[in-house]
Amino acid sequence: MALAKERCEACTGATPTVAGAELDALRAELSPEWEVDGVRLRRRMRFGDFAAAFATATRVALIAEGEGHHPDMAVGWGRLEIELTTHAVKGLTRNDFILAAKIDAAVG
């Protein structure tokens, strides 16, 4: 995936959001498990136990820290929920899709 090889860029209130054909093209590069929910990308994962969910959340956190773009995550027994949005513009930017692609590459 070419998107997973890109780097997130620092966002400002002037960072452009993605919509329409651009959103569709970026979405096509991600796992079908990602849902576009308004101004968020959301993915829910299931695991056999808490430890596996927590370990995956930790891997995602380390990727996010490296990119300087941080998701909201909820971890529970056998589940991990990840939400991506760009808070600075209250919408989806290319960074959200780059981080989602990196997550896909790391966790399958």
PDB file of N, CA and C in Angstrom:
ATOM      1  N   MET A   1       0.827  -1.190   0.000  1.00  0.00           N
ATOM      2  CA  MET A   1       0.000   0.000   0.000  1.00  0.00           C
ATOM      3  C   MET A   1       0.868   1.250   0.000  1.00  0.00           C
ATOM      4  N   ALA A   2       0.663   2.091  -0.948  1.00  0.00           N
ATOM      5  CA  ALA A   2       1.436   3.324  -1.040  1.00  0.00           C
ATOM      6  C   ALA A   2       1.118   4.262   0.113  1.00  0.00           C
ATOM      7  N   LEU A   3      -0.124   4.294   0.532  1.00  0.00           N
ATOM      8  CA  LEU A   3      -0.545   5.197   1.601  1.00  0.00           C
ATOM      9  C   LEU A   3       0.202   4.892   2.903  1.00  0.00           C
ATOM     10  N   ALA A   4       0.448   3.640   3.187  1.00  0.00           N
ATOM     11  CA  ALA A   4       1.147   3.245   4.417  1.00  0.00           C
ATOM     12  C   ALA A   4       2.610   3.690   4.418  1.00  0.00           C
ATOM     13  N   LYS A   5       3.144   4.047   3.271  1.00  0.00           N
ATOM     14  CA  LYS A   5       4.535   4.496   3.193  1.00  0.00           C
ATOM     15  C   LYS A   5       4.668   6.000   3.373  1.00  0.00           C
ATOM     16  N   GLU A   6       3.557   6.714   3.379  1.00  0.00           N
ATOM     17  CA  GLU A   6       3.582   8.163   3.579  1.00  0.00           C
ATOM     18  C   GLU A   6       3.756   8.478   5.061  1.00  0.00           C
ATOM     19  N   ARG A   7       4.056   9.723   5.346  1.00  0.00           N
ATOM     20  CA  ARG A   7       4.189  10.193   6.727  1.00  0.00           C
ATOM     21  C   ARG A   7       3.102  11.218   7.015  1.00  0.00           C
ATOM     22  N   CYS A   8       2.599  11.205   8.231  1.00  0.00           N
ATOM     23  CA  CYS A   8       1.639  12.228   8.647  1.00  0.00           C
ATOM     24  C   CYS A   8       2.361  13.563   8.759  1.00  0.00           C
ATOM     25  N   GLU A   9       1.652  14.629   8.399  1.00  0.00           N
ATOM     26  CA  GLU A   9       2.200  15.976   8.499  1.00  0.00           C
ATOM     27  C   GLU A   9       1.463  16.727   9.593  1.00  0.00           C
ATOM     28  N   ALA A  10       2.150  17.648  10.240  1.00  0.00           N
ATOM     29  CA  ALA A  10       1.526  18.435  11.304  1.00  0.00           C
ATOM     30  C   ALA A  10       0.304  19.163  10.752  1.00  0.00           C
ATOM     31  N   CYS A  11      -0.790  19.108  11.489  1.00  0.00           N
ATOM     32  CA  CYS A  11      -2.040  19.732  11.057  1.00  0.00           C
ATOM     33  C   CYS A  11      -2.239  21.079  11.730  1.00  0.00           C
ATOM     34  N   THR A  12      -2.929  21.945  11.014  1.00  0.00           N
ATOM     35  CA  THR A  12      -3.360  23.231  11.552  1.00  0.00           C
ATOM     36  C   THR A  12      -4.832  23.377  11.215  1.00  0.00           C
ATOM     37  N   GLY A  13      -5.434  24.441  11.643  1.00  0.00           N
ATOM     38  CA  GLY A  13      -6.824  24.705  11.302  1.00  0.00           C
ATOM     39  C   GLY A  13      -7.039  24.890   9.807  1.00  0.00           C
ATOM     40  N   ALA A  14      -5.944  25.091   9.050  1.00  0.00           N
ATOM     41  CA  ALA A  14      -6.029  25.279   7.599  1.00  0.00           C
ATOM     42  C   ALA A  14      -5.788  23.988   6.823  1.00  0.00           C
ATOM     43  N   THR A  15      -5.519  22.890   7.513  1.00  0.00           N
ATOM     44  CA  THR A  15      -5.293  21.616   6.828  1.00  0.00           C
ATOM     45  C   THR A  15      -6.572  21.223   6.095  1.00  0.00           C
ATOM     46  N   PRO A  16      -6.476  20.859   4.819  1.00  0.00           N
ATOM     47  CA  PRO A  16      -7.695  20.519   4.078  1.00  0.00           C
ATOM     48  C   PRO A  16      -8.285  19.175   4.530  1.00  0.00           C
ATOM     49  N   THR A  17      -9.599  19.123   4.583  1.00  0.00           N
ATOM     50  CA  THR A  17     -10.289  17.866   4.850  1.00  0.00           C
ATOM     51  C   THR A  17     -10.469  17.126   3.524  1.00  0.00           C
ATOM     52  N   VAL A  18     -10.774  15.830   3.620  1.00  0.00           N
ATOM     53  CA  VAL A  18     -11.021  15.040   2.419  1.00  0.00           C
ATOM     54  C   VAL A  18     -12.500  14.707   2.342  1.00  0.00           C
ATOM     55  N   ALA A  19     -13.012  14.679   1.123  1.00  0.00           N
ATOM     56  CA  ALA A  19     -14.418  14.367   0.893  1.00  0.00           C
ATOM     57  C   ALA A  19     -14.573  13.893  -0.544  1.00  0.00           C
ATOM     58  N   GLY A  20     -15.739  13.403  -0.858  1.00  0.00           N
ATOM     59  CA  GLY A  20     -16.073  13.032  -2.226  1.00  0.00           C
ATOM     60  C   GLY A  20     -15.154  11.982  -2.817  1.00  0.00           C
ATOM     61  N   ALA A  21     -14.699  12.236  -4.055  1.00  0.00           N
ATOM     62  CA  ALA A  21     -13.874  11.271  -4.784  1.00  0.00           C
ATOM     63  C   ALA A  21     -12.543  11.023  -4.086  1.00  0.00           C
ATOM     64  N   GLU A  22     -11.977  12.054  -3.477  1.00  0.00           N
ATOM     65  CA  GLU A  22     -10.703  11.867  -2.767  1.00  0.00           C
ATOM     66  C   GLU A  22     -10.899  10.934  -1.578  1.00  0.00           C
ATOM     67  N   LEU A  23     -11.960  11.133  -0.822  1.00  0.00           N
ATOM     68  CA  LEU A  23     -12.254  10.251   0.309  1.00  0.00           C
ATOM     69  C   LEU A  23     -12.443   8.820  -0.173  1.00  0.00           C
ATOM     70  N   ASP A  24     -13.185   8.638  -1.252  1.00  0.00           N
ATOM     71  CA  ASP A  24     -13.428   7.290  -1.791  1.00  0.00           C
ATOM     72  C   ASP A  24     -12.131   6.616  -2.223  1.00  0.00           C
ATOM     73  N   ALA A  25     -11.229   7.373  -2.854  1.00  0.00           N
ATOM     74  CA  ALA A  25      -9.960   6.808  -3.306  1.00  0.00           C
ATOM     75  C   ALA A  25      -9.087   6.408  -2.125  1.00  0.00           C
ATOM     76  N   LEU A  26      -9.030   7.249  -1.099  1.00  0.00           N
ATOM     77  CA  LEU A  26      -8.249   6.912   0.091  1.00  0.00           C
ATOM     78  C   LEU A  26      -8.861   5.727   0.822  1.00  0.00           C
ATOM     79  N   ARG A  27     -10.163   5.709   0.930  1.00  0.00           N
ATOM     80  CA  ARG A  27     -10.880   4.628   1.606  1.00  0.00           C
ATOM     81  C   ARG A  27     -10.611   3.290   0.931  1.00  0.00           C
ATOM     82  N   ALA A  28     -10.465   3.301  -0.373  1.00  0.00           N
ATOM     83  CA  ALA A  28     -10.225   2.070  -1.136  1.00  0.00           C
ATOM     84  C   ALA A  28      -8.874   1.438  -0.809  1.00  0.00           C
ATOM     85  N   GLU A  29      -7.950   2.218  -0.239  1.00  0.00           N
ATOM     86  CA  GLU A  29      -6.637   1.685   0.116  1.00  0.00           C
ATOM     87  C   GLU A  29      -6.611   1.024   1.494  1.00  0.00           C
ATOM     88  N   LEU A  30      -7.715   1.096   2.224  1.00  0.00           N
ATOM     89  CA  LEU A  30      -7.759   0.573   3.586  1.00  0.00           C
ATOM     90  C   LEU A  30      -8.483  -0.761   3.650  1.00  0.00           C
ATOM     91  N   SER A  31      -8.283  -1.448   4.765  1.00  0.00           N
ATOM     92  CA  SER A  31      -9.041  -2.663   5.048  1.00  0.00           C
ATOM     93  C   SER A  31     -10.533  -2.339   5.015  1.00  0.00           C
ATOM     94  N   PRO A  32     -11.358  -3.265   4.519  1.00  0.00           N
ATOM     95  CA  PRO A  32     -12.798  -3.012   4.523  1.00  0.00           C
ATOM     96  C   PRO A  32     -13.389  -2.939   5.937  1.00  0.00           C
ATOM     97  N   GLU A  33     -12.590  -3.272   6.943  1.00  0.00           N
ATOM     98  CA  GLU A  33     -13.064  -3.177   8.318  1.00  0.00           C
ATOM     99  C   GLU A  33     -13.178  -1.733   8.809  1.00  0.00           C
ATOM    100  N   TRP A  34     -12.558  -0.802   8.109  1.00  0.00           N
ATOM    101  CA  TRP A  34     -12.686   0.619   8.467  1.00  0.00           C
ATOM    102  C   TRP A  34     -14.026   1.143   7.966  1.00  0.00           C
ATOM    103  N   GLU A  35     -14.718   1.862   8.820  1.00  0.00           N
ATOM    104  CA  GLU A  35     -15.980   2.506   8.456  1.00  0.00           C
ATOM    105  C   GLU A  35     -15.776   4.016   8.497  1.00  0.00           C
ATOM    106  N   VAL A  36     -16.363   4.709   7.546  1.00  0.00           N
ATOM    107  CA  VAL A  36     -16.410   6.164   7.618  1.00  0.00           C
ATOM    108  C   VAL A  36     -17.709   6.501   8.333  1.00  0.00           C
ATOM    109  N   ASP A  37     -17.572   7.163   9.473  1.00  0.00           N
ATOM    110  CA  ASP A  37     -18.711   7.507  10.323  1.00  0.00           C
ATOM    111  C   ASP A  37     -18.709   9.020  10.512  1.00  0.00           C
ATOM    112  N   GLY A  38     -19.321   9.719   9.581  1.00  0.00           N
ATOM    113  CA  GLY A  38     -19.329  11.179   9.644  1.00  0.00           C
ATOM    114  C   GLY A  38     -17.931  11.735   9.459  1.00  0.00           C
ATOM    115  N   VAL A  39     -17.378  12.296  10.524  1.00  0.00           N
ATOM    116  CA  VAL A  39     -16.046  12.900  10.455  1.00  0.00           C
ATOM    117  C   VAL A  39     -15.002  11.997  11.094  1.00  0.00           C
ATOM    118  N   ARG A  40     -15.288  10.696  11.182  1.00  0.00           N
ATOM    119  CA  ARG A  40     -14.379   9.737  11.807  1.00  0.00           C
ATOM    120  C   ARG A  40     -14.195   8.497  10.951  1.00  0.00           C
ATOM    121  N   LEU A  41     -13.005   7.916  11.078  1.00  0.00           N
ATOM    122  CA  LEU A  41     -12.752   6.564  10.590  1.00  0.00           C
ATOM    123  C   LEU A  41     -12.818   5.673  11.822  1.00  0.00           C
ATOM    124  N   ARG A  42     -13.513   4.570  11.723  1.00  0.00           N
ATOM    125  CA  ARG A  42     -13.670   3.694  12.882  1.00  0.00           C
ATOM    126  C   ARG A  42     -13.402   2.251  12.482  1.00  0.00           C
ATOM    127  N   ARG A  43     -12.654   1.550  13.334  1.00  0.00           N
ATOM    128  CA  ARG A  43     -12.422   0.123  13.130  1.00  0.00           C
ATOM    129  C   ARG A  43     -12.578  -0.590  14.472  1.00  0.00           C
ATOM    130  N   ARG A  44     -13.313  -1.690  14.441  1.00  0.00           N
ATOM    131  CA  ARG A  44     -13.504  -2.516  15.633  1.00  0.00           C
ATOM    132  C   ARG A  44     -12.840  -3.858  15.388  1.00  0.00           C
ATOM    133  N   MET A  45     -12.043  -4.314  16.353  1.00  0.00           N
ATOM    134  CA  MET A  45     -11.343  -5.589  16.236  1.00  0.00           C
ATOM    135  C   MET A  45     -11.734  -6.478  17.409  1.00  0.00           C
ATOM    136  N   ARG A  46     -11.771  -7.774  17.138  1.00  0.00           N
ATOM    137  CA  ARG A  46     -12.085  -8.774  18.164  1.00  0.00           C
ATOM    138  C   ARG A  46     -10.876  -9.671  18.388  1.00  0.00           C
ATOM    139  N   PHE A  47     -10.705 -10.099  19.643  1.00  0.00           N
ATOM    140  CA  PHE A  47      -9.589 -10.940  20.046  1.00  0.00           C
ATOM    141  C   PHE A  47     -10.085 -12.020  21.001  1.00  0.00           C
ATOM    142  N   GLY A  48      -9.248 -12.993  21.234  1.00  0.00           N
ATOM    143  CA  GLY A  48      -9.614 -14.092  22.124  1.00  0.00           C
ATOM    144  C   GLY A  48      -9.502 -13.775  23.594  1.00  0.00           C
ATOM    145  N   ASP A  49      -8.844 -12.654  23.924  1.00  0.00           N
ATOM    146  CA  ASP A  49      -8.691 -12.305  25.332  1.00  0.00           C
ATOM    147  C   ASP A  49      -8.296 -10.835  25.464  1.00  0.00           C
ATOM    148  N   PHE A  50      -8.191 -10.395  26.699  1.00  0.00           N
ATOM    149  CA  PHE A  50      -7.829  -9.001  26.963  1.00  0.00           C
ATOM    150  C   PHE A  50      -6.389  -8.710  26.568  1.00  0.00           C
ATOM    151  N   ALA A  51      -5.485  -9.647  26.856  1.00  0.00           N
ATOM    152  CA  ALA A  51      -4.064  -9.416  26.589  1.00  0.00           C
ATOM    153  C   ALA A  51      -3.799  -9.144  25.114  1.00  0.00           C
ATOM    154  N   ALA A  52      -4.450  -9.881  24.229  1.00  0.00           N
ATOM    155  CA  ALA A  52      -4.247  -9.678  22.790  1.00  0.00           C
ATOM    156  C   ALA A  52      -4.783  -8.313  22.353  1.00  0.00           C
ATOM    157  N   ALA A  53      -5.941  -7.916  22.887  1.00  0.00           N
ATOM    158  CA  ALA A  53      -6.498  -6.601  22.561  1.00  0.00           C
ATOM    159  C   ALA A  53      -5.568  -5.492  23.054  1.00  0.00           C
ATOM    160  N   PHE A  54      -5.074  -5.647  24.269  1.00  0.00           N
ATOM    161  CA  PHE A  54      -4.188  -4.640  24.849  1.00  0.00           C
ATOM    162  C   PHE A  54      -2.862  -4.573  24.095  1.00  0.00           C
ATOM    163  N   ALA A  55      -2.320  -5.718  23.714  1.00  0.00           N
ATOM    164  CA  ALA A  55      -1.062  -5.745  22.963  1.00  0.00           C
ATOM    165  C   ALA A  55      -1.221  -5.028  21.622  1.00  0.00           C
ATOM    166  N   THR A  56      -2.335  -5.237  20.954  1.00  0.00           N
ATOM    167  CA  THR A  56      -2.576  -4.569  19.676  1.00  0.00           C
ATOM    168  C   THR A  56      -2.749  -3.074  19.880  1.00  0.00           C
ATOM    169  N   ALA A  57      -3.460  -2.684  20.931  1.00  0.00           N
ATOM    170  CA  ALA A  57      -3.619  -1.260  21.242  1.00  0.00           C
ATOM    171  C   ALA A  57      -2.257  -0.609  21.483  1.00  0.00           C
ATOM    172  N   THR A  58      -1.364  -1.329  22.140  1.00  0.00           N
ATOM    173  CA  THR A  58      -0.022  -0.807  22.394  1.00  0.00           C
ATOM    174  C   THR A  58       0.738  -0.625  21.092  1.00  0.00           C
ATOM    175  N   ARG A  59       0.635  -1.595  20.178  1.00  0.00           N
ATOM    176  CA  ARG A  59       1.296  -1.456  18.874  1.00  0.00           C
ATOM    177  C   ARG A  59       0.751  -0.248  18.116  1.00  0.00           C
ATOM    178  N   VAL A  60      -0.574  -0.084  18.141  1.00  0.00           N
ATOM    179  CA  VAL A  60      -1.198   1.063  17.470  1.00  0.00           C
ATOM    180  C   VAL A  60      -0.713   2.366  18.108  1.00  0.00           C
ATOM    181  N   ALA A  61      -0.632   2.403  19.436  1.00  0.00           N
ATOM    182  CA  ALA A  61      -0.185   3.612  20.133  1.00  0.00           C
ATOM    183  C   ALA A  61       1.238   3.990  19.736  1.00  0.00           C
ATOM    184  N   LEU A  62       2.103   3.012  19.592  1.00  0.00           N
ATOM    185  CA  LEU A  62       3.490   3.294  19.210  1.00  0.00           C
ATOM    186  C   LEU A  62       3.583   3.812  17.779  1.00  0.00           C
ATOM    187  N   ILE A  63       2.779   3.263  16.890  1.00  0.00           N
ATOM    188  CA  ILE A  63       2.735   3.758  15.504  1.00  0.00           C
ATOM    189  C   ILE A  63       2.235   5.199  15.502  1.00  0.00           C
ATOM    190  N   ALA A  64       1.153   5.452  16.227  1.00  0.00           N
ATOM    191  CA  ALA A  64       0.559   6.788  16.277  1.00  0.00           C
ATOM    192  C   ALA A  64       1.545   7.811  16.838  1.00  0.00           C
ATOM    193  N   GLU A  65       2.256   7.430  17.886  1.00  0.00           N
ATOM    194  CA  GLU A  65       3.229   8.347  18.485  1.00  0.00           C
ATOM    195  C   GLU A  65       4.328   8.677  17.479  1.00  0.00           C
ATOM    196  N   GLY A  66       4.755   7.683  16.723  1.00  0.00           N
ATOM    197  CA  GLY A  66       5.769   7.913  15.703  1.00  0.00           C
ATOM    198  C   GLY A  66       5.311   8.851  14.597  1.00  0.00           C
ATOM    199  N   GLU A  67       4.016   8.847  14.335  1.00  0.00           N
ATOM    200  CA  GLU A  67       3.455   9.709  13.291  1.00  0.00           C
ATOM    201  C   GLU A  67       2.996  11.064  13.832  1.00  0.00           C
ATOM    202  N   GLY A  68       2.900  11.187  15.150  1.00  0.00           N
ATOM    203  CA  GLY A  68       2.398  12.437  15.729  1.00  0.00           C
ATOM    204  C   GLY A  68       0.922  12.652  15.444  1.00  0.00           C
ATOM    205  N   HIS A  69       0.194  11.568  15.254  1.00  0.00           N
ATOM    206  CA  HIS A  69      -1.238  11.647  14.949  1.00  0.00           C
ATOM    207  C   HIS A  69      -1.920  10.551  15.778  1.00  0.00           C
ATOM    208  N   HIS A  70      -2.774  10.949  16.699  1.00  0.00           N
ATOM    209  CA  HIS A  70      -3.205  10.037  17.746  1.00  0.00           C
ATOM    210  C   HIS A  70      -4.696   9.706  17.673  1.00  0.00           C
ATOM    211  N   PRO A  71      -5.014   8.416  17.638  1.00  0.00           N
ATOM    212  CA  PRO A  71      -6.419   7.997  17.600  1.00  0.00           C
ATOM    213  C   PRO A  71      -7.028   7.967  18.995  1.00  0.00           C
ATOM    214  N   ASP A  72      -8.337   7.925  19.041  1.00  0.00           N
ATOM    215  CA  ASP A  72      -9.051   7.582  20.265  1.00  0.00           C
ATOM    216  C   ASP A  72      -9.201   6.068  20.233  1.00  0.00           C
ATOM    217  N   MET A  73      -8.917   5.420  21.351  1.00  0.00           N
ATOM    218  CA  MET A  73      -9.026   3.963  21.408  1.00  0.00           C
ATOM    219  C   MET A  73      -9.771   3.552  22.664  1.00  0.00           C
ATOM    220  N   ALA A  74     -10.522   2.456  22.533  1.00  0.00           N
ATOM    221  CA  ALA A  74     -11.188   1.833  23.674  1.00  0.00           C
ATOM    222  C   ALA A  74     -10.809   0.363  23.671  1.00  0.00           C
ATOM    223  N   VAL A  75     -10.276  -0.106  24.798  1.00  0.00           N
ATOM    224  CA  VAL A  75      -9.853  -1.494  24.933  1.00  0.00           C
ATOM    225  C   VAL A  75     -10.718  -2.154  25.994  1.00  0.00           C
ATOM    226  N   GLY A  76     -11.182  -3.338  25.692  1.00  0.00           N
ATOM    227  CA  GLY A  76     -11.931  -4.131  26.658  1.00  0.00           C
ATOM    228  C   GLY A  76     -11.595  -5.590  26.455  1.00  0.00           C
ATOM    229  N   TRP A  77     -12.224  -6.449  27.226  1.00  0.00           N
ATOM    230  CA  TRP A  77     -11.942  -7.869  27.105  1.00  0.00           C
ATOM    231  C   TRP A  77     -12.277  -8.308  25.681  1.00  0.00           C
ATOM    232  N   GLY A  78     -11.256  -8.707  24.922  1.00  0.00           N
ATOM    233  CA  GLY A  78     -11.441  -9.243  23.585  1.00  0.00           C
ATOM    234  C   GLY A  78     -11.806  -8.238  22.517  1.00  0.00           C
ATOM    235  N   ARG A  79     -11.652  -6.941  22.801  1.00  0.00           N
ATOM    236  CA  ARG A  79     -12.027  -5.958  21.779  1.00  0.00           C
ATOM    237  C   ARG A  79     -11.127  -4.726  21.825  1.00  0.00           C
ATOM    238  N   LEU A  80     -10.961  -4.132  20.658  1.00  0.00           N
ATOM    239  CA  LEU A  80     -10.266  -2.859  20.506  1.00  0.00           C
ATOM    240  C   LEU A  80     -11.046  -2.046  19.493  1.00  0.00           C
ATOM    241  N   GLU A  81     -11.377  -0.819  19.863  1.00  0.00           N
ATOM    242  CA  GLU A  81     -12.045   0.100  18.948  1.00  0.00           C
ATOM    243  C   GLU A  81     -11.124   1.293  18.726  1.00  0.00           C
ATOM    244  N   ILE A  82     -10.926   1.622  17.456  1.00  0.00           N
ATOM    245  CA  ILE A  82     -10.046   2.726  17.078  1.00  0.00           C
ATOM    246  C   ILE A  82     -10.868   3.748  16.307  1.00  0.00           C
ATOM    247  N   GLU A  83     -10.736   5.016  16.684  1.00  0.00           N
ATOM    248  CA  GLU A  83     -11.381   6.106  15.955  1.00  0.00           C
ATOM    249  C   GLU A  83     -10.324   7.127  15.571  1.00  0.00           C
ATOM    250  N   LEU A  84     -10.349   7.502  14.315  1.00  0.00           N
ATOM    251  CA  LEU A  84      -9.427   8.509  13.790  1.00  0.00           C
ATOM    252  C   LEU A  84     -10.209   9.706  13.286  1.00  0.00           C
ATOM    253  N   THR A  85      -9.760  10.876  13.632  1.00  0.00           N
ATOM    254  CA  THR A  85     -10.269  12.131  13.109  1.00  0.00           C
ATOM    255  C   THR A  85      -9.178  13.170  13.332  1.00  0.00           C
ATOM    256  N   THR A  86      -9.235  14.261  12.612  1.00  0.00           N
ATOM    257  CA  THR A  86      -8.267  15.333  12.822  1.00  0.00           C
ATOM    258  C   THR A  86      -8.969  16.427  13.596  1.00  0.00           C
ATOM    259  N   HIS A  87      -8.649  16.501  14.889  1.00  0.00           N
ATOM    260  CA  HIS A  87      -9.343  17.428  15.784  1.00  0.00           C
ATOM    261  C   HIS A  87      -9.168  18.883  15.364  1.00  0.00           C
ATOM    262  N   ALA A  88      -8.008  19.226  14.799  1.00  0.00           N
ATOM    263  CA  ALA A  88      -7.730  20.618  14.427  1.00  0.00           C
ATOM    264  C   ALA A  88      -8.724  21.145  13.391  1.00  0.00           C
ATOM    265  N   VAL A  89      -9.281  20.251  12.557  1.00  0.00           N
ATOM    266  CA  VAL A  89     -10.232  20.689  11.526  1.00  0.00           C
ATOM    267  C   VAL A  89     -11.613  20.057  11.706  1.00  0.00           C
ATOM    268  N   LYS A  90     -11.753  19.263  12.771  1.00  0.00           N
ATOM    269  CA  LYS A  90     -13.028  18.603  13.066  1.00  0.00           C
ATOM    270  C   LYS A  90     -13.534  17.799  11.868  1.00  0.00           C
ATOM    271  N   GLY A  91     -12.607  17.047  11.267  1.00  0.00           N
ATOM    272  CA  GLY A  91     -12.969  16.247  10.105  1.00  0.00           C
ATOM    273  C   GLY A  91     -11.852  15.287   9.742  1.00  0.00           C
ATOM    274  N   LEU A  92     -12.009  14.642   8.612  1.00  0.00           N
ATOM    275  CA  LEU A  92     -11.026  13.676   8.125  1.00  0.00           C
ATOM    276  C   LEU A  92     -10.017  14.356   7.210  1.00  0.00           C
ATOM    277  N   THR A  93      -8.751  14.048   7.447  1.00  0.00           N
ATOM    278  CA  THR A  93      -7.680  14.540   6.586  1.00  0.00           C
ATOM    279  C   THR A  93      -6.887  13.338   6.071  1.00  0.00           C
ATOM    280  N   ARG A  94      -5.980  13.613   5.187  1.00  0.00           N
ATOM    281  CA  ARG A  94      -5.126  12.554   4.645  1.00  0.00           C
ATOM    282  C   ARG A  94      -4.394  11.819   5.774  1.00  0.00           C
ATOM    283  N   ASN A  95      -4.007  12.544   6.833  1.00  0.00           N
ATOM    284  CA  ASN A  95      -3.320  11.916   7.959  1.00  0.00           C
ATOM    285  C   ASN A  95      -4.118  10.762   8.555  1.00  0.00           C
ATOM    286  N   ASP A  96      -5.430  10.904   8.647  1.00  0.00           N
ATOM    287  CA  ASP A  96      -6.261   9.842   9.213  1.00  0.00           C
ATOM    288  C   ASP A  96      -6.150   8.570   8.377  1.00  0.00           C
ATOM    289  N   PHE A  97      -6.106   8.725   7.079  1.00  0.00           N
ATOM    290  CA  PHE A  97      -6.008   7.574   6.183  1.00  0.00           C
ATOM    291  C   PHE A  97      -4.602   6.989   6.181  1.00  0.00           C
ATOM    292  N   ILE A  98      -3.594   7.860   6.292  1.00  0.00           N
ATOM    293  CA  ILE A  98      -2.222   7.362   6.389  1.00  0.00           C
ATOM    294  C   ILE A  98      -2.065   6.512   7.642  1.00  0.00           C
ATOM    295  N   LEU A  99      -2.551   7.014   8.776  1.00  0.00           N
ATOM    296  CA  LEU A  99      -2.419   6.247  10.018  1.00  0.00           C
ATOM    297  C   LEU A  99      -3.236   4.959   9.955  1.00  0.00           C
ATOM    298  N   ALA A 100      -4.417   5.003   9.386  1.00  0.00           N
ATOM    299  CA  ALA A 100      -5.230   3.788   9.235  1.00  0.00           C
ATOM    300  C   ALA A 100      -4.494   2.754   8.385  1.00  0.00           C
ATOM    301  N   ALA A 101      -3.854   3.196   7.311  1.00  0.00           N
ATOM    302  CA  ALA A 101      -3.101   2.266   6.449  1.00  0.00           C
ATOM    303  C   ALA A 101      -1.916   1.663   7.195  1.00  0.00           C
ATOM    304  N   LYS A 102      -1.248   2.461   8.018  1.00  0.00           N
ATOM    305  CA  LYS A 102      -0.135   1.949   8.826  1.00  0.00           C
ATOM    306  C   LYS A 102      -0.643   0.934   9.853  1.00  0.00           C
ATOM    307  N   ILE A 103      -1.799   1.202  10.430  1.00  0.00           N
ATOM    308  CA  ILE A 103      -2.403   0.252  11.368  1.00  0.00           C
ATOM    309  C   ILE A 103      -2.726  -1.049  10.641  1.00  0.00           C
ATOM    310  N   ASP A 104      -3.332  -0.935   9.468  1.00  0.00           N
ATOM    311  CA  ASP A 104      -3.621  -2.148   8.667  1.00  0.00           C
ATOM    312  C   ASP A 104      -2.360  -2.973   8.419  1.00  0.00           C
ATOM    313  N   ALA A 105      -1.286  -2.290   8.048  1.00  0.00           N
ATOM    314  CA  ALA A 105      -0.042  -2.996   7.742  1.00  0.00           C
ATOM    315  C   ALA A 105       0.524  -3.698   8.979  1.00  0.00           C
ATOM    316  N   ALA A 106       0.323  -3.108  10.143  1.00  0.00           N
ATOM    317  CA  ALA A 106       0.882  -3.663  11.374  1.00  0.00           C
ATOM    318  C   ALA A 106       0.046  -4.777  11.973  1.00  0.00           C
ATOM    319  N   VAL A 107      -1.268  -4.685  11.847  1.00  0.00           N
ATOM    320  CA  VAL A 107      -2.133  -5.646  12.538  1.00  0.00           C
ATOM    321  C   VAL A 107      -2.922  -6.545  11.582  1.00  0.00           C
ATOM    322  N   GLY A 108      -2.818  -6.283  10.310  1.00  0.00           N
ATOM    323  CA  GLY A 108      -3.533  -7.121   9.340  1.00  0.00           C
ATOM    324  C   GLY A 108      -4.967  -6.755   9.163  1.00  0.00           C
TER     325      GLY A 108
END
